[in-house]
Amino acid sequence: MSERPSSRRPLLAPPSRRSAAALLAAALLVAALPGAARGPPAEPPTAITVEAMPFSALDIRDRTRRQFGLLEFRGGLVLRSAYEQFGGISAIRVAPDGAHFIALSDKGWWLRGRIVYDGTRPTGIADAEMAPILGADGRPLAEHGWFDTESLAEDGGTLYVGIERVHQIVRFDFGKDGLRARGRPIPVPPAVRTLPRNKGLEALVFVPAGLPLAGTLIAFSERGLDKAGDLLAFLIGGPQPGGFTVRRTGDYDISDAALLPGGDVLVLERRFGWTSGLAIRIRRLALGAIKPGALVDGPVLFEADLGYEIDNMEGLSVHRSRGETVLTLISDDNFSMLQRTLLLQFTLAEP
C-alpha cells in the first residue's frame, strides 16, 4: 500500500527505519520554528465585514459577451473590507456546496466565509472570519518568518499550505480544529529547497482516491526552472513520488492549480511586464500524463489581458453545482490601493 502525505501507521506498530527517519525529519522541522511552545496563544478568529460590488461583464470591450471558449462567465465581485488583514488573497478552496470557502493570504492569515448567490450569479460574501495561520507551537506562522503562504490543497478535513520563501509545506487538521488548527511541516523533496526564494511553491493539488496518483500531493513552482526553461513540479507521497516539469510558454508563471472532477488538472498562470501589461490564462493538463520525469503540456482554455475585468489572479478552485463544473478565481491585491480583490466565477463546458 502506498503512503499518502496524511497516512499514519497503527499506534502499536513498531516504526520502520524509513518511517522513523520521516518522523525525525518532521520533528526537526517543528523544532526549527523559533520560539516553539513559548508565549501566549494567538487571538481567536475575528468576524469581519466584506463589502461586495457585483459586476456581470468580464470583457470591458464587449459587455454583452458571456462565452469565452469553453468557459461561460457567471459573474464577479469586487471585494473590500476595513479589516486591516484583509487582502493579499493567494489561494481559495470552495466547498462542494458552492458557497462555503476557505482562503489564505500571503501574509499568513486564513479567510473563511460564504459566497451568496442570486440564482447562479455571485452577489456577496457572508459569515466572513479571519485568523492568523498557526504553527505547531500555537503561535502565528508569520511570527516565525513563515508568512509567504501561497498555496492550498484539501484532503477531506486535512489542509496543506505551501510557504514560498522558506520552501515548506505545512499540514493542518482543519476538519477538527478549524481556524485554530496548528500546522505541522511535512517532509518535502530536497529539490524543493533549491527553488528561487520568491518563485517557489505556488500551487498545491491533492489527488483523492479513485484517480491516477491517488494519495499524491502535487506541488507546482511559480518559476523554478530546469535547464530547458520549463517549470519544476513535484509528486509528494502517493504511488509514484518524484519530480516532473510543466512546459513553460509565453513567459507565463504558475499561480495556482485545481483538480477537475474527471481528474485533469487546471493550471492558472499569470504574466506581467511593464510594457506588455498583465495577462492570465488557464491550461488543462491530463492527470494521466503526470509522472516522475515527465514533461507535461496541455491546451489553453482561457486567456485574458487588461481588456478584461482581471487583476493579479492567484487563486483557483473547482466545484460541482447542479451538474455543472464551476471555476472560482480570486486575486491578490498586494495590499495596494492600485489593485483590487476580485472574485470571478465561470461554468466550464466539458468537451
Protein backbone atom coordinates (compact mmCIF):
# COMPACT_ATOMS: atom_id res chain seq x y z
CA MET A 1 0.00 0.00 0.00
CA SER A 2 1.43 3.39 -0.97
CA GLU A 3 1.80 6.07 1.65
CA ARG A 4 -0.16 9.32 1.46
CA PRO A 5 1.05 12.59 2.95
CA SER A 6 -1.58 12.19 5.67
CA SER A 7 -1.20 8.41 6.22
CA ARG A 8 -0.50 7.03 9.71
CA ARG A 9 0.85 3.72 10.95
CA PRO A 10 -1.09 1.73 13.59
CA LEU A 11 -0.41 3.17 17.03
CA LEU A 12 1.09 -0.06 18.37
CA ALA A 13 3.15 -0.97 15.31
CA PRO A 14 6.94 -0.58 15.66
CA PRO A 15 8.21 2.06 13.23
CA SER A 16 10.41 1.02 10.32
CA ARG A 17 13.75 2.75 9.76
CA ARG A 18 12.19 4.78 6.93
CA SER A 19 9.16 5.88 8.94
CA ALA A 20 11.34 6.65 11.97
CA ALA A 21 13.54 8.83 9.77
CA ALA A 22 10.49 10.63 8.39
CA LEU A 23 9.17 11.23 11.90
CA LEU A 24 12.56 12.55 13.00
CA ALA A 25 12.71 14.87 9.98
CA ALA A 26 9.23 16.22 10.75
CA ALA A 27 10.16 16.69 14.40
CA LEU A 28 13.27 18.62 13.42
CA LEU A 29 11.20 20.86 11.17
CA VAL A 30 8.82 21.63 14.03
CA ALA A 31 11.71 22.25 16.39
CA ALA A 32 13.22 24.63 13.86
CA LEU A 33 10.35 27.05 14.36
CA PRO A 34 11.74 29.86 16.53
CA GLY A 35 10.15 30.20 19.91
CA ALA A 36 8.44 26.80 19.76
CA ALA A 37 5.99 26.20 22.63
CA ARG A 38 6.56 29.69 24.03
CA GLY A 39 4.31 32.69 24.55
CA PRO A 40 0.56 33.12 24.98
CA PRO A 41 -1.88 31.61 22.45
CA ALA A 42 -2.87 33.62 19.38
CA GLU A 43 -6.04 35.70 19.34
CA PRO A 44 -9.27 33.89 18.36
CA PRO A 45 -10.82 34.23 14.86
CA THR A 46 -12.36 37.63 14.16
CA ALA A 47 -15.70 38.14 12.39
CA ILE A 48 -15.27 40.75 9.65
CA THR A 49 -17.49 42.54 7.17
CA VAL A 50 -16.64 42.08 3.49
CA GLU A 51 -18.32 44.50 1.11
CA ALA A 52 -19.01 43.11 -2.36
CA MET A 53 -19.78 45.03 -5.54
CA PRO A 54 -21.16 42.61 -8.18
CA PHE A 55 -20.47 43.00 -11.89
CA SER A 56 -21.80 40.98 -14.80
CA ALA A 57 -19.45 41.89 -17.68
CA LEU A 58 -15.98 40.38 -17.98
CA ASP A 59 -14.94 41.78 -21.37
CA ILE A 60 -14.62 45.55 -21.00
CA ARG A 61 -14.78 45.99 -24.77
CA ASP A 62 -17.92 43.87 -25.23
CA ARG A 63 -20.08 43.86 -22.10
CA THR A 64 -22.67 41.56 -23.69
CA ARG A 65 -20.18 38.73 -24.13
CA ARG A 66 -20.58 35.75 -21.81
CA GLN A 67 -18.83 32.88 -23.62
CA PHE A 68 -15.05 32.57 -23.60
CA GLY A 69 -14.13 29.34 -25.33
CA LEU A 70 -15.30 26.52 -23.05
CA LEU A 71 -15.91 28.96 -20.19
CA GLU A 72 -19.15 30.86 -19.57
CA PHE A 73 -18.88 33.85 -17.24
CA ARG A 74 -21.30 33.65 -14.30
CA GLY A 75 -20.39 36.92 -12.62
CA GLY A 76 -17.82 38.65 -10.48
CA LEU A 77 -17.36 40.58 -7.25
CA VAL A 78 -15.08 43.41 -6.21
CA LEU A 79 -14.34 42.71 -2.54
CA ARG A 80 -13.36 45.23 0.12
CA SER A 81 -13.06 45.22 3.90
CA ALA A 82 -11.97 47.72 6.51
CA TYR A 83 -10.29 44.91 8.45
CA GLU A 84 -6.55 45.54 8.42
CA GLN A 85 -5.55 41.97 7.49
CA PHE A 86 -7.95 41.63 4.57
CA GLY A 87 -6.24 41.40 1.17
CA GLY A 88 -3.36 39.58 -0.47
CA ILE A 89 -5.55 36.51 -1.15
CA SER A 90 -3.33 33.91 -2.79
CA ALA A 91 -5.38 30.68 -2.70
CA ILE A 92 -9.00 29.55 -2.26
CA ARG A 93 -10.93 26.28 -1.96
CA VAL A 94 -14.70 26.34 -2.40
CA ALA A 95 -16.74 23.58 -0.72
CA PRO A 96 -18.94 21.18 -2.74
CA ASP A 97 -21.99 23.26 -1.75
CA GLY A 98 -20.54 26.09 -3.87
CA ALA A 99 -20.98 28.56 -1.01
CA HIS A 100 -18.59 27.96 1.88
CA PHE A 101 -14.92 28.59 1.22
CA ILE A 102 -11.55 28.73 2.90
CA ALA A 103 -8.85 31.05 1.56
CA LEU A 104 -5.49 32.34 2.72
CA SER A 105 -3.46 35.48 2.33
CA ASP A 106 0.23 35.69 1.57
CA LYS A 107 0.71 37.37 4.97
CA GLY A 108 -0.18 34.20 6.88
CA TRP A 109 -3.92 34.66 7.53
CA TRP A 110 -6.97 32.46 6.96
CA LEU A 111 -10.14 33.87 5.42
CA ARG A 112 -13.30 31.80 5.82
CA GLY A 113 -16.77 32.73 4.60
CA ARG A 114 -19.76 32.01 2.39
CA ILE A 115 -20.49 33.15 -1.17
CA VAL A 116 -24.04 34.49 -1.56
CA TYR A 117 -25.86 33.95 -4.87
CA ASP A 118 -28.78 35.28 -6.85
CA GLY A 119 -29.51 32.13 -8.83
CA THR A 120 -26.07 31.20 -10.17
CA ARG A 121 -24.66 34.75 -10.02
CA PRO A 122 -22.41 35.58 -7.04
CA THR A 123 -23.66 38.68 -5.23
CA GLY A 124 -21.87 38.88 -1.88
CA ILE A 125 -19.83 37.40 0.95
CA ALA A 126 -21.38 36.46 4.30
CA ASP A 127 -20.17 34.99 7.60
CA ALA A 128 -16.59 36.09 6.95
CA GLU A 129 -13.90 35.42 9.55
CA MET A 130 -10.13 35.89 9.61
CA ALA A 131 -7.49 34.39 11.85
CA PRO A 132 -3.71 34.04 11.77
CA ILE A 133 -2.41 30.73 10.44
CA LEU A 134 -0.86 28.95 13.41
CA GLY A 135 2.30 26.90 13.69
CA ALA A 136 2.85 23.79 15.78
CA ASP A 137 3.51 25.94 18.87
CA GLY A 138 0.16 27.72 18.61
CA ARG A 139 1.77 31.00 17.57
CA PRO A 140 1.17 32.64 14.16
CA LEU A 141 3.45 31.29 11.44
CA ALA A 142 4.20 34.86 10.42
CA GLU A 143 5.93 35.47 13.76
CA HIS A 144 8.49 32.87 12.72
CA GLY A 145 9.04 34.39 9.28
CA TRP A 146 6.86 31.71 7.66
CA PHE A 147 4.40 34.24 6.26
CA ASP A 148 4.54 33.86 2.47
CA THR A 149 1.65 31.38 2.41
CA GLU A 150 0.82 30.97 -1.28
CA SER A 151 -0.84 27.62 -1.95
CA LEU A 152 -3.61 25.44 -0.53
CA ALA A 153 -4.75 21.84 -1.04
CA GLU A 154 -7.52 19.86 0.64
CA ASP A 155 -7.78 16.17 1.54
CA GLY A 156 -11.10 15.84 3.33
CA GLY A 157 -10.62 17.59 6.68
CA THR A 158 -6.87 17.99 6.13
CA LEU A 159 -5.42 21.14 4.57
CA TYR A 160 -1.92 21.56 3.17
CA VAL A 161 -0.39 25.03 2.89
CA GLY A 162 2.70 25.82 0.82
CA ILE A 163 5.01 28.55 2.12
CA GLU A 164 7.05 30.05 -0.68
CA ARG A 165 10.14 31.75 0.68
CA VAL A 166 11.05 29.02 3.18
CA HIS A 167 10.10 26.15 0.82
CA GLN A 168 7.91 24.33 3.33
CA ILE A 169 4.55 22.55 3.25
CA VAL A 170 2.52 22.55 6.47
CA ARG A 171 -0.38 20.20 7.28
CA PHE A 172 -3.47 21.22 9.30
CA ASP A 173 -6.25 19.15 10.89
CA PHE A 174 -8.75 21.74 9.77
CA GLY A 175 -11.76 19.45 9.95
CA LYS A 176 -11.22 19.06 13.69
CA ASP A 177 -9.83 22.44 14.79
CA GLY A 178 -10.96 24.91 12.11
CA LEU A 179 -9.20 28.28 12.14
CA ARG A 180 -7.42 27.31 15.36
CA ALA A 181 -5.70 24.32 13.69
CA ARG A 182 -1.96 24.12 14.22
CA GLY A 183 0.26 23.40 11.24
CA ARG A 184 2.99 20.78 11.25
CA PRO A 185 5.60 20.66 8.48
CA ILE A 186 5.79 17.58 6.28
CA PRO A 187 8.98 16.35 4.60
CA VAL A 188 9.48 17.75 1.08
CA PRO A 189 11.82 16.59 -1.71
CA PRO A 190 15.33 18.05 -1.43
CA ALA A 191 14.91 19.73 -4.83
CA VAL A 192 12.19 21.95 -3.36
CA ARG A 193 14.87 23.66 -1.27
CA THR A 194 16.67 24.75 -4.45
CA LEU A 195 13.73 26.76 -5.83
CA PRO A 196 14.10 30.54 -6.19
CA ARG A 197 13.28 32.29 -2.94
CA ASN A 198 10.37 34.31 -4.30
CA LYS A 199 9.35 31.94 -7.13
CA GLY A 200 8.91 28.74 -5.14
CA LEU A 201 5.86 26.63 -4.27
CA GLU A 202 2.84 28.42 -5.70
CA ALA A 203 0.19 25.71 -6.21
CA LEU A 204 -0.84 22.51 -4.45
CA VAL A 205 -3.32 19.82 -5.52
CA PHE A 206 -4.24 16.68 -3.56
CA VAL A 207 -5.36 13.69 -5.65
CA PRO A 208 -8.23 11.76 -3.99
CA ALA A 209 -8.99 8.05 -4.13
CA GLY A 210 -10.26 6.63 -7.41
CA LEU A 211 -7.95 8.67 -9.66
CA PRO A 212 -4.45 8.07 -11.04
CA LEU A 213 -1.84 9.15 -8.47
CA ALA A 214 -4.40 8.81 -5.65
CA GLY A 215 -2.93 9.95 -2.34
CA THR A 216 -0.37 12.24 -4.01
CA LEU A 217 0.21 15.87 -3.18
CA ILE A 218 1.19 17.65 -6.43
CA ALA A 219 3.27 20.77 -5.87
CA PHE A 220 3.95 23.32 -8.62
CA SER A 221 6.60 26.02 -8.51
CA GLU A 222 5.85 29.52 -9.68
CA ARG A 223 9.03 29.89 -11.70
CA GLY A 224 11.50 27.25 -10.65
CA LEU A 225 13.04 26.29 -13.98
CA ASP A 226 15.01 23.32 -15.25
CA LYS A 227 17.87 23.64 -17.76
CA ALA A 228 15.38 23.68 -20.64
CA GLY A 229 13.47 26.57 -19.09
CA ASP A 230 10.41 24.52 -18.09
CA LEU A 231 8.61 24.74 -14.74
CA LEU A 232 9.56 22.38 -11.92
CA ALA A 233 6.85 20.41 -10.11
CA PHE A 234 6.82 17.58 -7.58
CA LEU A 235 4.83 14.46 -6.67
CA ILE A 236 4.90 14.08 -2.87
CA GLY A 237 3.75 10.79 -1.33
CA GLY A 238 1.40 8.55 -3.28
CA PRO A 239 2.38 5.65 -5.54
CA GLN A 240 4.98 7.46 -7.69
CA PRO A 241 6.82 10.22 -5.81
CA GLY A 242 9.31 12.24 -7.81
CA GLY A 243 9.74 15.31 -9.95
CA PHE A 244 8.31 16.36 -13.32
CA THR A 245 8.13 19.54 -15.39
CA VAL A 246 5.41 21.66 -16.99
CA ARG A 247 6.13 23.18 -20.39
CA ARG A 248 6.60 26.95 -19.98
CA THR A 249 5.35 29.06 -22.88
CA GLY A 250 4.57 32.72 -23.43
CA ASP A 251 6.57 33.78 -20.33
CA TYR A 252 3.72 32.63 -18.08
CA ASP A 253 4.31 31.59 -14.46
CA ILE A 254 2.08 29.29 -12.40
CA SER A 255 -0.09 30.97 -9.76
CA ASP A 256 -2.47 28.13 -8.74
CA ALA A 257 -3.95 24.79 -9.79
CA ALA A 258 -7.09 22.76 -9.14
CA LEU A 259 -8.38 19.29 -9.95
CA LEU A 260 -11.33 18.72 -12.25
CA PRO A 261 -13.92 16.09 -11.21
CA GLY A 262 -12.74 13.81 -14.04
CA GLY A 263 -9.15 14.03 -12.87
CA ASP A 264 -7.41 16.53 -15.16
CA VAL A 265 -5.53 19.44 -13.60
CA LEU A 266 -6.33 23.06 -14.39
CA VAL A 267 -3.33 25.36 -14.02
CA LEU A 268 -3.85 29.10 -13.54
CA GLU A 269 -0.98 31.12 -14.96
CA ARG A 270 0.00 34.78 -14.89
CA ARG A 271 2.29 37.02 -16.94
CA PHE A 272 3.35 40.58 -16.21
CA GLY A 273 5.63 43.01 -17.98
CA TRP A 274 5.97 46.77 -17.63
CA THR A 275 5.48 47.15 -21.39
CA SER A 276 3.18 44.18 -22.12
CA GLY A 277 0.98 44.56 -19.03
CA LEU A 278 -0.85 41.84 -17.10
CA ALA A 279 -2.36 38.68 -18.59
CA ILE A 280 -3.70 35.40 -17.20
CA ARG A 281 -4.58 32.06 -18.71
CA ILE A 282 -5.84 28.61 -17.70
CA ARG A 283 -4.31 25.44 -19.12
CA ARG A 284 -5.60 21.87 -18.82
CA LEU A 285 -3.12 19.08 -18.02
CA ALA A 286 -4.01 15.40 -18.29
CA LEU A 287 -3.52 13.78 -14.90
CA GLY A 288 -2.60 10.51 -16.60
CA ALA A 289 0.40 12.22 -18.24
CA ILE A 290 1.86 13.35 -14.92
CA LYS A 291 4.55 11.00 -13.62
CA PRO A 292 8.17 11.22 -12.49
CA GLY A 293 10.41 12.55 -15.23
CA ALA A 294 7.54 13.63 -17.49
CA LEU A 295 7.28 16.93 -19.36
CA VAL A 296 3.57 17.81 -19.49
CA ASP A 297 1.66 20.34 -21.53
CA GLY A 298 -1.96 20.98 -22.37
CA PRO A 299 -4.42 23.19 -24.22
CA VAL A 300 -5.23 26.74 -23.17
CA LEU A 301 -8.88 27.02 -22.08
CA PHE A 302 -8.94 30.73 -21.32
CA GLU A 303 -6.68 33.75 -21.74
CA ALA A 304 -7.33 37.36 -20.74
CA ASP A 305 -5.49 40.67 -20.59
CA LEU A 306 -6.35 44.06 -19.13
CA GLY A 307 -9.15 44.41 -21.63
CA TYR A 308 -11.00 42.14 -19.20
CA GLU A 309 -12.02 42.61 -15.58
CA ILE A 310 -8.99 40.85 -14.15
CA ASP A 311 -6.28 41.63 -11.64
CA ASN A 312 -3.42 39.64 -10.15
CA MET A 313 -5.37 36.35 -10.21
CA GLU A 314 -3.67 33.93 -7.80
CA GLY A 315 -6.38 31.55 -6.57
CA LEU A 316 -8.32 28.86 -8.46
CA SER A 317 -10.91 26.41 -7.14
CA VAL A 318 -13.24 23.91 -8.84
CA HIS A 319 -16.54 22.53 -7.57
CA ARG A 320 -19.65 20.86 -9.00
CA SER A 321 -23.02 22.62 -8.76
CA ARG A 322 -26.31 21.37 -10.22
CA GLY A 323 -24.48 19.14 -12.65
CA GLU A 324 -22.11 21.92 -13.77
CA THR A 325 -18.38 22.38 -13.23
CA VAL A 326 -17.76 25.80 -11.69
CA LEU A 327 -14.42 27.61 -11.56
CA THR A 328 -13.79 30.28 -8.91
CA LEU A 329 -10.83 32.64 -9.30
CA ILE A 330 -9.64 35.23 -6.76
CA SER A 331 -6.96 37.91 -6.97
CA ASP A 332 -4.14 39.09 -4.73
CA ASP A 333 -4.27 42.88 -4.46
CA ASN A 334 -0.83 43.01 -2.81
CA PHE A 335 -2.44 45.31 -0.21
CA SER A 336 -2.17 48.07 -2.81
CA MET A 337 -4.67 50.87 -3.40
CA LEU A 338 -3.97 50.46 -7.13
CA GLN A 339 -5.21 46.87 -7.23
CA ARG A 340 -8.42 45.03 -6.41
CA THR A 341 -9.54 41.82 -4.76
CA LEU A 342 -11.69 40.22 -7.46
CA LEU A 343 -13.72 37.02 -7.28
CA LEU A 344 -14.70 35.61 -10.69
CA GLN A 345 -16.85 32.57 -11.47
CA PHE A 346 -17.19 30.57 -14.67
CA THR A 347 -19.01 27.44 -15.78
CA LEU A 348 -16.81 25.01 -17.72
CA ALA A 349 -18.40 23.16 -20.63
CA GLU A 350 -16.70 19.77 -20.71
CA PRO A 351 -15.53 18.84 -24.25
